[in-house]
Amino acid sequence: MGLLCIALNKNTMESFGRFVRRLRKSQKCTQVRLAKEIGLSRFQLSQLEADSVLPKEINLMKMAAVLKTDLPALKLQFFGEKVAQELHRHNCTLETLTLAREKLIYLQTHHPTTPESTPA
């Protein structure tokens, strides 16, 4: 079964894998080239684009550079997908997401991070 879909805008639902595939194709980049530049095999990238796996966070910066997209946009899609998958996998309600949002706001207010301390 594929990964959960996430909203890119009001009219589009797209998984992270399909988001990556669309960006890759818009840059006329082959799977072989993208995989090589971000440190994956072509098979691993194919699995990512088929929504079988998510990449490691460490690959996001390289992926953003090769796909000519900004890192915050890529992280938004990646972490949105990752959070949605975990909530779905554990059969959580939207109340869980609301609580997580409140905790994130608290953490950002009381324990701000610097770009150097943030992975991906």
PDB file of N, CA and C in Angstrom:
ATOM      1  N   MET A   1       0.838  -1.180   0.000  1.00  0.00           N
ATOM      2  CA  MET A   1       0.000   0.000   0.000  1.00  0.00           C
ATOM      3  C   MET A   1       0.878   1.237   0.000  1.00  0.00           C
ATOM      4  N   GLY A   2       0.482   2.274  -0.748  1.00  0.00           N
ATOM      5  CA  GLY A   2       1.262   3.495  -0.849  1.00  0.00           C
ATOM      6  C   GLY A   2       1.164   4.336   0.408  1.00  0.00           C
ATOM      7  N   LEU A   3       1.979   5.352   0.449  1.00  0.00           N
ATOM      8  CA  LEU A   3       1.979   6.263   1.584  1.00  0.00           C
ATOM      9  C   LEU A   3       0.743   7.143   1.554  1.00  0.00           C
ATOM     10  N   LEU A   4       0.446   7.771   2.663  1.00  0.00           N
ATOM     11  CA  LEU A   4      -0.670   8.698   2.715  1.00  0.00           C
ATOM     12  C   LEU A   4      -0.423   9.872   1.792  1.00  0.00           C
ATOM     13  N   CYS A   5      -1.480  10.451   1.306  1.00  0.00           N
ATOM     14  CA  CYS A   5      -1.361  11.635   0.469  1.00  0.00           C
ATOM     15  C   CYS A   5      -1.470  12.875   1.337  1.00  0.00           C
ATOM     16  N   ILE A   6      -0.816  13.935   0.881  1.00  0.00           N
ATOM     17  CA  ILE A   6      -0.892  15.193   1.603  1.00  0.00           C
ATOM     18  C   ILE A   6      -1.247  16.301   0.641  1.00  0.00           C
ATOM     19  N   ALA A   7      -1.847  17.351   1.157  1.00  0.00           N
ATOM     20  CA  ALA A   7      -2.285  18.449   0.308  1.00  0.00           C
ATOM     21  C   ALA A   7      -1.120  19.335  -0.088  1.00  0.00           C
ATOM     22  N   LEU A   8      -1.019  19.624  -1.383  1.00  0.00           N
ATOM     23  CA  LEU A   8      -0.066  20.617  -1.854  1.00  0.00           C
ATOM     24  C   LEU A   8      -0.758  21.964  -1.962  1.00  0.00           C
ATOM     25  N   ASN A   9      -2.001  21.956  -2.357  1.00  0.00           N
ATOM     26  CA  ASN A   9      -2.819  23.157  -2.378  1.00  0.00           C
ATOM     27  C   ASN A   9      -4.262  22.716  -2.236  1.00  0.00           C
ATOM     28  N   LYS A  10      -5.184  23.640  -2.393  1.00  0.00           N
ATOM     29  CA  LYS A  10      -6.585  23.310  -2.159  1.00  0.00           C
ATOM     30  C   LYS A  10      -7.105  22.228  -3.104  1.00  0.00           C
ATOM     31  N   ASN A  11      -6.545  22.134  -4.301  1.00  0.00           N
ATOM     32  CA  ASN A  11      -7.089  21.231  -5.309  1.00  0.00           C
ATOM     33  C   ASN A  11      -6.280  19.962  -5.527  1.00  0.00           C
ATOM     34  N   THR A  12      -5.128  19.812  -4.901  1.00  0.00           N
ATOM     35  CA  THR A  12      -4.236  18.704  -5.227  1.00  0.00           C
ATOM     36  C   THR A  12      -3.852  17.906  -3.995  1.00  0.00           C
ATOM     37  N   MET A  13      -3.956  16.591  -4.110  1.00  0.00           N
ATOM     38  CA  MET A  13      -3.425  15.686  -3.090  1.00  0.00           C
ATOM     39  C   MET A  13      -2.289  14.936  -3.764  1.00  0.00           C
ATOM     40  N   GLU A  14      -1.133  14.927  -3.121  1.00  0.00           N
ATOM     41  CA  GLU A  14       0.022  14.304  -3.748  1.00  0.00           C
ATOM     42  C   GLU A  14       0.921  13.728  -2.662  1.00  0.00           C
ATOM     43  N   SER A  15       1.370  12.513  -2.858  1.00  0.00           N
ATOM     44  CA  SER A  15       2.288  11.896  -1.906  1.00  0.00           C
ATOM     45  C   SER A  15       3.675  12.502  -2.069  1.00  0.00           C
ATOM     46  N   PHE A  16       4.538  12.274  -1.092  1.00  0.00           N
ATOM     47  CA  PHE A  16       5.904  12.784  -1.178  1.00  0.00           C
ATOM     48  C   PHE A  16       6.622  12.181  -2.383  1.00  0.00           C
ATOM     49  N   GLY A  17       6.437  10.893  -2.614  1.00  0.00           N
ATOM     50  CA  GLY A  17       7.078  10.243  -3.757  1.00  0.00           C
ATOM     51  C   GLY A  17       6.654  10.841  -5.082  1.00  0.00           C
ATOM     52  N   ARG A  18       5.385  11.094  -5.227  1.00  0.00           N
ATOM     53  CA  ARG A  18       4.894  11.702  -6.475  1.00  0.00           C
ATOM     54  C   ARG A  18       5.350  13.148  -6.588  1.00  0.00           C
ATOM     55  N   PHE A  19       5.452  13.839  -5.470  1.00  0.00           N
ATOM     56  CA  PHE A  19       5.980  15.204  -5.446  1.00  0.00           C
ATOM     57  C   PHE A  19       7.417  15.205  -5.968  1.00  0.00           C
ATOM     58  N   VAL A  20       8.236  14.281  -5.477  1.00  0.00           N
ATOM     59  CA  VAL A  20       9.633  14.175  -5.921  1.00  0.00           C
ATOM     60  C   VAL A  20       9.685  13.828  -7.405  1.00  0.00           C
ATOM     61  N   ARG A  21       8.883  12.868  -7.832  1.00  0.00           N
ATOM     62  CA  ARG A  21       8.868  12.477  -9.247  1.00  0.00           C
ATOM     63  C   ARG A  21       8.507  13.666 -10.131  1.00  0.00           C
ATOM     64  N   ARG A  22       7.483  14.422  -9.733  1.00  0.00           N
ATOM     65  CA  ARG A  22       7.059  15.579 -10.525  1.00  0.00           C
ATOM     66  C   ARG A  22       8.179  16.614 -10.617  1.00  0.00           C
ATOM     67  N   LEU A  23       8.833  16.900  -9.485  1.00  0.00           N
ATOM     68  CA  LEU A  23       9.950  17.850  -9.506  1.00  0.00           C
ATOM     69  C   LEU A  23      11.096  17.331 -10.373  1.00  0.00           C
ATOM     70  N   ARG A  24      11.412  16.050 -10.224  1.00  0.00           N
ATOM     71  CA  ARG A  24      12.508  15.460 -11.003  1.00  0.00           C
ATOM     72  C   ARG A  24      12.231  15.570 -12.495  1.00  0.00           C
ATOM     73  N   LYS A  25      11.032  15.224 -12.905  1.00  0.00           N
ATOM     74  CA  LYS A  25      10.683  15.284 -14.328  1.00  0.00           C
ATOM     75  C   LYS A  25      10.655  16.721 -14.836  1.00  0.00           C
ATOM     76  N   SER A  26      10.209  17.654 -14.004  1.00  0.00           N
ATOM     77  CA  SER A  26      10.188  19.061 -14.436  1.00  0.00           C
ATOM     78  C   SER A  26      11.598  19.598 -14.663  1.00  0.00           C
ATOM     79  N   GLN A  27      12.579  18.994 -14.005  1.00  0.00           N
ATOM     80  CA  GLN A  27      13.986  19.375 -14.185  1.00  0.00           C
ATOM     81  C   GLN A  27      14.672  18.519 -15.252  1.00  0.00           C
ATOM     82  N   LYS A  28      13.888  17.639 -15.906  1.00  0.00           N
ATOM     83  CA  LYS A  28      14.425  16.720 -16.915  1.00  0.00           C
ATOM     84  C   LYS A  28      15.617  15.930 -16.374  1.00  0.00           C
ATOM     85  N   CYS A  29      15.455  15.495 -15.143  1.00  0.00           N
ATOM     86  CA  CYS A  29      16.489  14.741 -14.438  1.00  0.00           C
ATOM     87  C   CYS A  29      16.080  13.270 -14.425  1.00  0.00           C
ATOM     88  N   THR A  30      16.999  12.391 -14.745  1.00  0.00           N
ATOM     89  CA  THR A  30      16.690  10.960 -14.728  1.00  0.00           C
ATOM     90  C   THR A  30      16.755  10.425 -13.299  1.00  0.00           C
ATOM     91  N   GLN A  31      16.126   9.276 -13.097  1.00  0.00           N
ATOM     92  CA  GLN A  31      16.225   8.619 -11.793  1.00  0.00           C
ATOM     93  C   GLN A  31      17.673   8.286 -11.475  1.00  0.00           C
ATOM     94  N   VAL A  32      18.413   7.847 -12.479  1.00  0.00           N
ATOM     95  CA  VAL A  32      19.817   7.477 -12.268  1.00  0.00           C
ATOM     96  C   VAL A  32      20.613   8.680 -11.769  1.00  0.00           C
ATOM     97  N   ARG A  33      20.436   9.831 -12.418  1.00  0.00           N
ATOM     98  CA  ARG A  33      21.189  11.030 -12.023  1.00  0.00           C
ATOM     99  C   ARG A  33      20.800  11.500 -10.625  1.00  0.00           C
ATOM    100  N   LEU A  34      19.486  11.621 -10.361  1.00  0.00           N
ATOM    101  CA  LEU A  34      19.051  12.084  -9.041  1.00  0.00           C
ATOM    102  C   LEU A  34      19.531  11.125  -7.960  1.00  0.00           C
ATOM    103  N   ALA A  35      19.357   9.839  -8.195  1.00  0.00           N
ATOM    104  CA  ALA A  35      19.781   8.843  -7.203  1.00  0.00           C
ATOM    105  C   ALA A  35      21.267   8.990  -6.895  1.00  0.00           C
ATOM    106  N   LYS A  36      22.065   9.114  -7.930  1.00  0.00           N
ATOM    107  CA  LYS A  36      23.517   9.239  -7.744  1.00  0.00           C
ATOM    108  C   LYS A  36      23.861  10.496  -6.949  1.00  0.00           C
ATOM    109  N   GLU A  37      23.218  11.610  -7.287  1.00  0.00           N
ATOM    110  CA  GLU A  37      23.548  12.881  -6.640  1.00  0.00           C
ATOM    111  C   GLU A  37      23.083  12.966  -5.188  1.00  0.00           C
ATOM    112  N   ILE A  38      22.092  12.162  -4.809  1.00  0.00           N
ATOM    113  CA  ILE A  38      21.643  12.207  -3.408  1.00  0.00           C
ATOM    114  C   ILE A  38      22.084  10.983  -2.614  1.00  0.00           C
ATOM    115  N   GLY A  39      22.845  10.105  -3.249  1.00  0.00           N
ATOM    116  CA  GLY A  39      23.417   8.973  -2.522  1.00  0.00           C
ATOM    117  C   GLY A  39      22.510   7.772  -2.363  1.00  0.00           C
ATOM    118  N   LEU A  40      21.596   7.582  -3.312  1.00  0.00           N
ATOM    119  CA  LEU A  40      20.725   6.406  -3.312  1.00  0.00           C
ATOM    120  C   LEU A  40      21.006   5.576  -4.557  1.00  0.00           C
ATOM    121  N   SER A  41      20.564   4.340  -4.542  1.00  0.00           N
ATOM    122  CA  SER A  41      20.581   3.549  -5.776  1.00  0.00           C
ATOM    123  C   SER A  41      19.342   3.944  -6.583  1.00  0.00           C
ATOM    124  N   ARG A  42      19.336   3.627  -7.875  1.00  0.00           N
ATOM    125  CA  ARG A  42      18.159   3.926  -8.685  1.00  0.00           C
ATOM    126  C   ARG A  42      16.957   3.154  -8.152  1.00  0.00           C
ATOM    127  N   PHE A  43      17.192   1.939  -7.675  1.00  0.00           N
ATOM    128  CA  PHE A  43      16.116   1.128  -7.105  1.00  0.00           C
ATOM    129  C   PHE A  43      15.506   1.823  -5.882  1.00  0.00           C
ATOM    130  N   GLN A  44      16.353   2.362  -5.001  1.00  0.00           N
ATOM    131  CA  GLN A  44      15.849   3.058  -3.808  1.00  0.00           C
ATOM    132  C   GLN A  44      15.029   4.283  -4.200  1.00  0.00           C
ATOM    133  N   LEU A  45      15.502   5.042  -5.194  1.00  0.00           N
ATOM    134  CA  LEU A  45      14.747   6.210  -5.650  1.00  0.00           C
ATOM    135  C   LEU A  45      13.427   5.777  -6.272  1.00  0.00           C
ATOM    136  N   SER A  46      13.453   4.687  -7.017  1.00  0.00           N
ATOM    137  CA  SER A  46      12.229   4.162  -7.606  1.00  0.00           C
ATOM    138  C   SER A  46      11.223   3.801  -6.516  1.00  0.00           C
ATOM    139  N   GLN A  47      11.693   3.190  -5.433  1.00  0.00           N
ATOM    140  CA  GLN A  47      10.814   2.859  -4.301  1.00  0.00           C
ATOM    141  C   GLN A  47      10.247   4.127  -3.670  1.00  0.00           C
ATOM    142  N   LEU A  48      11.081   5.152  -3.541  1.00  0.00           N
ATOM    143  CA  LEU A  48      10.628   6.421  -2.969  1.00  0.00           C
ATOM    144  C   LEU A  48       9.522   7.009  -3.842  1.00  0.00           C
ATOM    145  N   GLU A  49       9.760   7.063  -5.160  1.00  0.00           N
ATOM    146  CA  GLU A  49       8.773   7.645  -6.072  1.00  0.00           C
ATOM    147  C   GLU A  49       7.501   6.805  -6.153  1.00  0.00           C
ATOM    148  N   ALA A  50       7.601   5.519  -5.852  1.00  0.00           N
ATOM    149  CA  ALA A  50       6.429   4.633  -5.855  1.00  0.00           C
ATOM    150  C   ALA A  50       5.720   4.625  -4.501  1.00  0.00           C
ATOM    151  N   ASP A  51       6.169   5.486  -3.598  1.00  0.00           N
ATOM    152  CA  ASP A  51       5.553   5.621  -2.273  1.00  0.00           C
ATOM    153  C   ASP A  51       5.722   4.395  -1.394  1.00  0.00           C
ATOM    154  N   SER A  52       6.801   3.646  -1.603  1.00  0.00           N
ATOM    155  CA  SER A  52       7.081   2.492  -0.750  1.00  0.00           C
ATOM    156  C   SER A  52       7.927   2.862   0.456  1.00  0.00           C
ATOM    157  N   VAL A  53       8.725   3.915   0.336  1.00  0.00           N
ATOM    158  CA  VAL A  53       9.608   4.359   1.420  1.00  0.00           C
ATOM    159  C   VAL A  53       9.718   5.880   1.401  1.00  0.00           C
ATOM    160  N   LEU A  54      10.167   6.427   2.513  1.00  0.00           N
ATOM    161  CA  LEU A  54      10.542   7.842   2.577  1.00  0.00           C
ATOM    162  C   LEU A  54      12.063   7.911   2.630  1.00  0.00           C
ATOM    163  N   PRO A  55      12.653   8.995   2.131  1.00  0.00           N
ATOM    164  CA  PRO A  55      14.115   9.102   2.203  1.00  0.00           C
ATOM    165  C   PRO A  55      14.565   9.402   3.623  1.00  0.00           C
ATOM    166  N   LYS A  56      15.840   9.247   3.862  1.00  0.00           N
ATOM    167  CA  LYS A  56      16.396   9.682   5.144  1.00  0.00           C
ATOM    168  C   LYS A  56      16.454  11.201   5.115  1.00  0.00           C
ATOM    169  N   GLU A  57      16.264  11.805   6.264  1.00  0.00           N
ATOM    170  CA  GLU A  57      16.245  13.266   6.345  1.00  0.00           C
ATOM    171  C   GLU A  57      17.530  13.886   5.818  1.00  0.00           C
ATOM    172  N   ILE A  58      18.638  13.196   5.970  1.00  0.00           N
ATOM    173  CA  ILE A  58      19.928  13.718   5.541  1.00  0.00           C
ATOM    174  C   ILE A  58      19.963  13.964   4.031  1.00  0.00           C
ATOM    175  N   ASN A  59      19.153  13.236   3.257  1.00  0.00           N
ATOM    176  CA  ASN A  59      19.135  13.389   1.800  1.00  0.00           C
ATOM    177  C   ASN A  59      18.320  14.582   1.323  1.00  0.00           C
ATOM    178  N   LEU A  60      17.554  15.211   2.195  1.00  0.00           N
ATOM    179  CA  LEU A  60      16.671  16.284   1.762  1.00  0.00           C
ATOM    180  C   LEU A  60      17.427  17.486   1.210  1.00  0.00           C
ATOM    181  N   MET A  61      18.526  17.878   1.835  1.00  0.00           N
ATOM    182  CA  MET A  61      19.272  19.040   1.375  1.00  0.00           C
ATOM    183  C   MET A  61      19.823  18.802  -0.034  1.00  0.00           C
ATOM    184  N   LYS A  62      20.398  17.635  -0.251  1.00  0.00           N
ATOM    185  CA  LYS A  62      20.927  17.298  -1.579  1.00  0.00           C
ATOM    186  C   LYS A  62      19.791  17.245  -2.597  1.00  0.00           C
ATOM    187  N   MET A  63      18.676  16.644  -2.196  1.00  0.00           N
ATOM    188  CA  MET A  63      17.533  16.509  -3.082  1.00  0.00           C
ATOM    189  C   MET A  63      16.994  17.879  -3.495  1.00  0.00           C
ATOM    190  N   ALA A  64      16.895  18.797  -2.544  1.00  0.00           N
ATOM    191  CA  ALA A  64      16.404  20.146  -2.845  1.00  0.00           C
ATOM    192  C   ALA A  64      17.314  20.835  -3.855  1.00  0.00           C
ATOM    193  N   ALA A  65      18.615  20.679  -3.690  1.00  0.00           N
ATOM    194  CA  ALA A  65      19.565  21.317  -4.607  1.00  0.00           C
ATOM    195  C   ALA A  65      19.431  20.753  -6.019  1.00  0.00           C
ATOM    196  N   VAL A  66      19.399  19.438  -6.141  1.00  0.00           N
ATOM    197  CA  VAL A  66      19.314  18.807  -7.462  1.00  0.00           C
ATOM    198  C   VAL A  66      17.980  19.127  -8.131  1.00  0.00           C
ATOM    199  N   LEU A  67      16.901  19.135  -7.357  1.00  0.00           N
ATOM    200  CA  LEU A  67      15.570  19.376  -7.910  1.00  0.00           C
ATOM    201  C   LEU A  67      15.242  20.861  -8.036  1.00  0.00           C
ATOM    202  N   LYS A  68      16.181  21.698  -7.642  1.00  0.00           N
ATOM    203  CA  LYS A  68      16.026  23.158  -7.736  1.00  0.00           C
ATOM    204  C   LYS A  68      14.750  23.639  -7.056  1.00  0.00           C
ATOM    205  N   THR A  69      14.563  23.158  -5.848  1.00  0.00           N
ATOM    206  CA  THR A  69      13.457  23.621  -5.022  1.00  0.00           C
ATOM    207  C   THR A  69      14.046  24.032  -3.685  1.00  0.00           C
ATOM    208  N   ASP A  70      13.339  24.883  -2.967  1.00  0.00           N
ATOM    209  CA  ASP A  70      13.917  25.314  -1.691  1.00  0.00           C
ATOM    210  C   ASP A  70      13.701  24.235  -0.626  1.00  0.00           C
ATOM    211  N   LEU A  71      14.645  24.187   0.280  1.00  0.00           N
ATOM    212  CA  LEU A  71      14.625  23.170   1.332  1.00  0.00           C
ATOM    213  C   LEU A  71      13.370  23.250   2.201  1.00  0.00           C
ATOM    214  N   PRO A  72      12.915  24.450   2.608  1.00  0.00           N
ATOM    215  CA  PRO A  72      11.689  24.493   3.417  1.00  0.00           C
ATOM    216  C   PRO A  72      10.480  23.859   2.717  1.00  0.00           C
ATOM    217  N   ALA A  73      10.351  24.040   1.410  1.00  0.00           N
ATOM    218  CA  ALA A  73       9.226  23.431   0.683  1.00  0.00           C
ATOM    219  C   ALA A  73       9.334  21.911   0.691  1.00  0.00           C
ATOM    220  N   LEU A  74      10.546  21.407   0.509  1.00  0.00           N
ATOM    221  CA  LEU A  74      10.754  19.961   0.513  1.00  0.00           C
ATOM    222  C   LEU A  74      10.524  19.388   1.909  1.00  0.00           C
ATOM    223  N   LYS A  75      11.006  20.090   2.934  1.00  0.00           N
ATOM    224  CA  LYS A  75      10.798  19.638   4.316  1.00  0.00           C
ATOM    225  C   LYS A  75       9.317  19.649   4.679  1.00  0.00           C
ATOM    226  N   LEU A  76       8.593  20.644   4.195  1.00  0.00           N
ATOM    227  CA  LEU A  76       7.153  20.710   4.454  1.00  0.00           C
ATOM    228  C   LEU A  76       6.470  19.445   3.940  1.00  0.00           C
ATOM    229  N   GLN A  77       6.789  19.055   2.713  1.00  0.00           N
ATOM    230  CA  GLN A  77       6.192  17.853   2.135  1.00  0.00           C
ATOM    231  C   GLN A  77       6.654  16.591   2.866  1.00  0.00           C
ATOM    232  N   PHE A  78       7.956  16.508   3.137  1.00  0.00           N
ATOM    233  CA  PHE A  78       8.522  15.320   3.783  1.00  0.00           C
ATOM    234  C   PHE A  78       7.949  15.110   5.184  1.00  0.00           C
ATOM    235  N   PHE A  79       8.036  16.134   6.027  1.00  0.00           N
ATOM    236  CA  PHE A  79       7.586  15.956   7.408  1.00  0.00           C
ATOM    237  C   PHE A  79       6.068  15.878   7.503  1.00  0.00           C
ATOM    238  N   GLY A  80       5.357  16.561   6.601  1.00  0.00           N
ATOM    239  CA  GLY A  80       3.904  16.412   6.554  1.00  0.00           C
ATOM    240  C   GLY A  80       3.519  14.967   6.287  1.00  0.00           C
ATOM    241  N   GLU A  81       4.227  14.357   5.338  1.00  0.00           N
ATOM    242  CA  GLU A  81       3.982  12.948   5.006  1.00  0.00           C
ATOM    243  C   GLU A  81       4.343  12.045   6.179  1.00  0.00           C
ATOM    244  N   LYS A  82       5.509  12.302   6.763  1.00  0.00           N
ATOM    245  CA  LYS A  82       6.002  11.454   7.856  1.00  0.00           C
ATOM    246  C   LYS A  82       5.055  11.491   9.065  1.00  0.00           C
ATOM    247  N   VAL A  83       4.616  12.675   9.444  1.00  0.00           N
ATOM    248  CA  VAL A  83       3.700  12.823  10.584  1.00  0.00           C
ATOM    249  C   VAL A  83       2.366  12.152  10.274  1.00  0.00           C
ATOM    250  N   ALA A  84       1.846  12.391   9.075  1.00  0.00           N
ATOM    251  CA  ALA A  84       0.562  11.793   8.702  1.00  0.00           C
ATOM    252  C   ALA A  84       0.639  10.270   8.718  1.00  0.00           C
ATOM    253  N   GLN A  85       1.748   9.721   8.223  1.00  0.00           N
ATOM    254  CA  GLN A  85       1.914   8.257   8.230  1.00  0.00           C
ATOM    255  C   GLN A  85       1.908   7.703   9.650  1.00  0.00           C
ATOM    256  N   GLU A  86       2.646   8.338  10.535  1.00  0.00           N
ATOM    257  CA  GLU A  86       2.714   7.855  11.921  1.00  0.00           C
ATOM    258  C   GLU A  86       1.350   7.931  12.600  1.00  0.00           C
ATOM    259  N   LEU A  87       0.653   9.037  12.419  1.00  0.00           N
ATOM    260  CA  LEU A  87      -0.675   9.170  13.023  1.00  0.00           C
ATOM    261  C   LEU A  87      -1.625   8.111  12.468  1.00  0.00           C
ATOM    262  N   HIS A  88      -1.556   7.897  11.166  1.00  0.00           N
ATOM    263  CA  HIS A  88      -2.423   6.900  10.539  1.00  0.00           C
ATOM    264  C   HIS A  88      -2.060   5.485  11.000  1.00  0.00           C
ATOM    265  N   ARG A  89      -0.769   5.193  11.039  1.00  0.00           N
ATOM    266  CA  ARG A  89      -0.295   3.856  11.433  1.00  0.00           C
ATOM    267  C   ARG A  89      -0.750   3.493  12.844  1.00  0.00           C
ATOM    268  N   HIS A  90      -0.820   4.486  13.719  1.00  0.00           N
ATOM    269  CA  HIS A  90      -1.211   4.241  15.109  1.00  0.00           C
ATOM    270  C   HIS A  90      -2.688   4.546  15.362  1.00  0.00           C
ATOM    271  N   ASN A  91      -3.434   4.753  14.276  1.00  0.00           N
ATOM    272  CA  ASN A  91      -4.869   4.990  14.366  1.00  0.00           C
ATOM    273  C   ASN A  91      -5.209   6.170  15.280  1.00  0.00           C
ATOM    274  N   CYS A  92      -4.433   7.246  15.160  1.00  0.00           N
ATOM    275  CA  CYS A  92      -4.646   8.434  15.991  1.00  0.00           C
ATOM    276  C   CYS A  92      -5.747   9.310  15.404  1.00  0.00           C
ATOM    277  N   THR A  93      -6.346  10.099  16.254  1.00  0.00           N
ATOM    278  CA  THR A  93      -7.380  11.033  15.822  1.00  0.00           C
ATOM    279  C   THR A  93      -6.754  12.397  15.546  1.00  0.00           C
ATOM    280  N   LEU A  94      -7.549  13.287  14.983  1.00  0.00           N
ATOM    281  CA  LEU A  94      -7.077  14.651  14.743  1.00  0.00           C
ATOM    282  C   LEU A  94      -6.757  15.369  16.052  1.00  0.00           C
ATOM    283  N   GLU A  95      -7.345  14.909  17.140  1.00  0.00           N
ATOM    284  CA  GLU A  95      -7.040  15.476  18.451  1.00  0.00           C
ATOM    285  C   GLU A  95      -5.548  15.307  18.770  1.00  0.00           C
ATOM    286  N   THR A  96      -4.974  14.203  18.352  1.00  0.00           N
ATOM    287  CA  THR A  96      -3.541  13.968  18.556  1.00  0.00           C
ATOM    288  C   THR A  96      -2.729  15.008  17.801  1.00  0.00           C
ATOM    289  N   LEU A  97      -3.136  15.303  16.583  1.00  0.00           N
ATOM    290  CA  LEU A  97      -2.444  16.306  15.780  1.00  0.00           C
ATOM    291  C   LEU A  97      -2.584  17.691  16.412  1.00  0.00           C
ATOM    292  N   THR A  98      -3.731  17.988  16.957  1.00  0.00           N
ATOM    293  CA  THR A  98      -3.939  19.266  17.639  1.00  0.00           C
ATOM    294  C   THR A  98      -3.014  19.392  18.845  1.00  0.00           C
ATOM    295  N   LEU A  99      -2.907  18.334  19.633  1.00  0.00           N
ATOM    296  CA  LEU A  99      -2.008  18.351  20.783  1.00  0.00           C
ATOM    297  C   LEU A  99      -0.554  18.493  20.331  1.00  0.00           C
ATOM    298  N   ALA A 100      -0.179  17.780  19.275  1.00  0.00           N
ATOM    299  CA  ALA A 100       1.187  17.882  18.747  1.00  0.00           C
ATOM    300  C   ALA A 100       1.477  19.309  18.291  1.00  0.00           C
ATOM    301  N   ARG A 101       0.496  19.956  17.677  1.00  0.00           N
ATOM    302  CA  ARG A 101       0.654  21.353  17.247  1.00  0.00           C
ATOM    303  C   ARG A 101       0.913  22.252  18.447  1.00  0.00           C
ATOM    304  N   GLU A 102       0.144  22.065  19.511  1.00  0.00           N
ATOM    305  CA  GLU A 102       0.324  22.874  20.722  1.00  0.00           C
ATOM    306  C   GLU A 102       1.701  22.642  21.336  1.00  0.00           C
ATOM    307  N   LYS A 103       2.142  21.394  21.347  1.00  0.00           N
ATOM    308  CA  LYS A 103       3.468  21.089  21.899  1.00  0.00           C
ATOM    309  C   LYS A 103       4.571  21.690  21.033  1.00  0.00           C
ATOM    310  N   LEU A 104       4.389  21.669  19.722  1.00  0.00           N
ATOM    311  CA  LEU A 104       5.375  22.270  18.828  1.00  0.00           C
ATOM    312  C   LEU A 104       5.474  23.773  19.069  1.00  0.00           C
ATOM    313  N   ILE A 105       4.355  24.424  19.216  1.00  0.00           N
ATOM    314  CA  ILE A 105       4.360  25.866  19.505  1.00  0.00           C
ATOM    315  C   ILE A 105       5.097  26.134  20.811  1.00  0.00           C
ATOM    316  N   TYR A 106       4.837  25.325  21.828  1.00  0.00           N
ATOM    317  CA  TYR A 106       5.529  25.479  23.108  1.00  0.00           C
ATOM    318  C   TYR A 106       7.037  25.311  22.932  1.00  0.00           C
ATOM    319  N   LEU A 107       7.438  24.249  22.230  1.00  0.00           N
ATOM    320  CA  LEU A 107       8.868  23.999  22.025  1.00  0.00           C
ATOM    321  C   LEU A 107       9.532  25.132  21.250  1.00  0.00           C
ATOM    322  N   GLN A 108       8.863  25.616  20.221  1.00  0.00           N
ATOM    323  CA  GLN A 108       9.439  26.706  19.430  1.00  0.00           C
ATOM    324  C   GLN A 108       9.571  27.980  20.253  1.00  0.00           C
ATOM    325  N   THR A 109       8.669  28.182  21.180  1.00  0.00           N
ATOM    326  CA  THR A 109       8.701  29.374  22.025  1.00  0.00           C
ATOM    327  C   THR A 109       9.749  29.268  23.123  1.00  0.00           C
ATOM    328  N   HIS A 110       9.838  28.115  23.754  1.00  0.00           N
ATOM    329  CA  HIS A 110      10.709  27.951  24.920  1.00  0.00           C
ATOM    330  C   HIS A 110      12.065  27.320  24.631  1.00  0.00           C
ATOM    331  N   HIS A 111      12.189  26.657  23.508  1.00  0.00           N
ATOM    332  CA  HIS A 111      13.446  25.988  23.154  1.00  0.00           C
ATOM    333  C   HIS A 111      13.738  26.200  21.670  1.00  0.00           C
ATOM    334  N   PRO A 112      13.971  27.445  21.257  1.00  0.00           N
ATOM    335  CA  PRO A 112      14.203  27.686  19.825  1.00  0.00           C
ATOM    336  C   PRO A 112      15.451  26.958  19.337  1.00  0.00           C
ATOM    337  N   THR A 113      15.396  26.518  18.101  1.00  0.00           N
ATOM    338  CA  THR A 113      16.538  25.833  17.497  1.00  0.00           C
ATOM    339  C   THR A 113      17.252  26.788  16.559  1.00  0.00           C
ATOM    340  N   THR A 114      18.490  26.465  16.277  1.00  0.00           N
ATOM    341  CA  THR A 114      19.249  27.219  15.284  1.00  0.00           C
ATOM    342  C   THR A 114      19.376  26.339  14.055  1.00  0.00           C
ATOM    343  N   PRO A 115      19.605  26.924  12.877  1.00  0.00           N
ATOM    344  CA  PRO A 115      19.738  26.094  11.675  1.00  0.00           C
ATOM    345  C   PRO A 115      20.809  25.017  11.817  1.00  0.00           C
ATOM    346  N   GLU A 116      21.879  25.291  12.547  1.00  0.00           N
ATOM    347  CA  GLU A 116      22.950  24.310  12.707  1.00  0.00           C
ATOM    348  C   GLU A 116      22.510  23.105  13.530  1.00  0.00           C
ATOM    349  N   SER A 117      21.548  23.295  14.432  1.00  0.00           N
ATOM    350  CA  SER A 117      21.132  22.192  15.302  1.00  0.00           C
ATOM    351  C   SER A 117      19.971  21.396  14.722  1.00  0.00           C
ATOM    352  N   THR A 118      19.479  21.816  13.556  1.00  0.00           N
ATOM    353  CA  THR A 118      18.338  21.156  12.949  1.00  0.00           C
ATOM    354  C   THR A 118      18.795  20.232  11.841  1.00  0.00           C
ATOM    355  N   PRO A 119      18.549  18.906  11.951  1.00  0.00           N
ATOM    356  CA  PRO A 119      18.946  17.992  10.883  1.00  0.00           C
ATOM    357  C   PRO A 119      18.112  18.212   9.634  1.00  0.00           C
ATOM    358  N   ALA A 120      18.643  17.752   8.516  1.00  0.00           N
ATOM    359  CA  ALA A 120      17.974  17.805   7.215  1.00  0.00           C
ATOM    360  C   ALA A 120      18.023  19.196   6.692  1.00  0.00           C
TER     361      ALA A 120
END
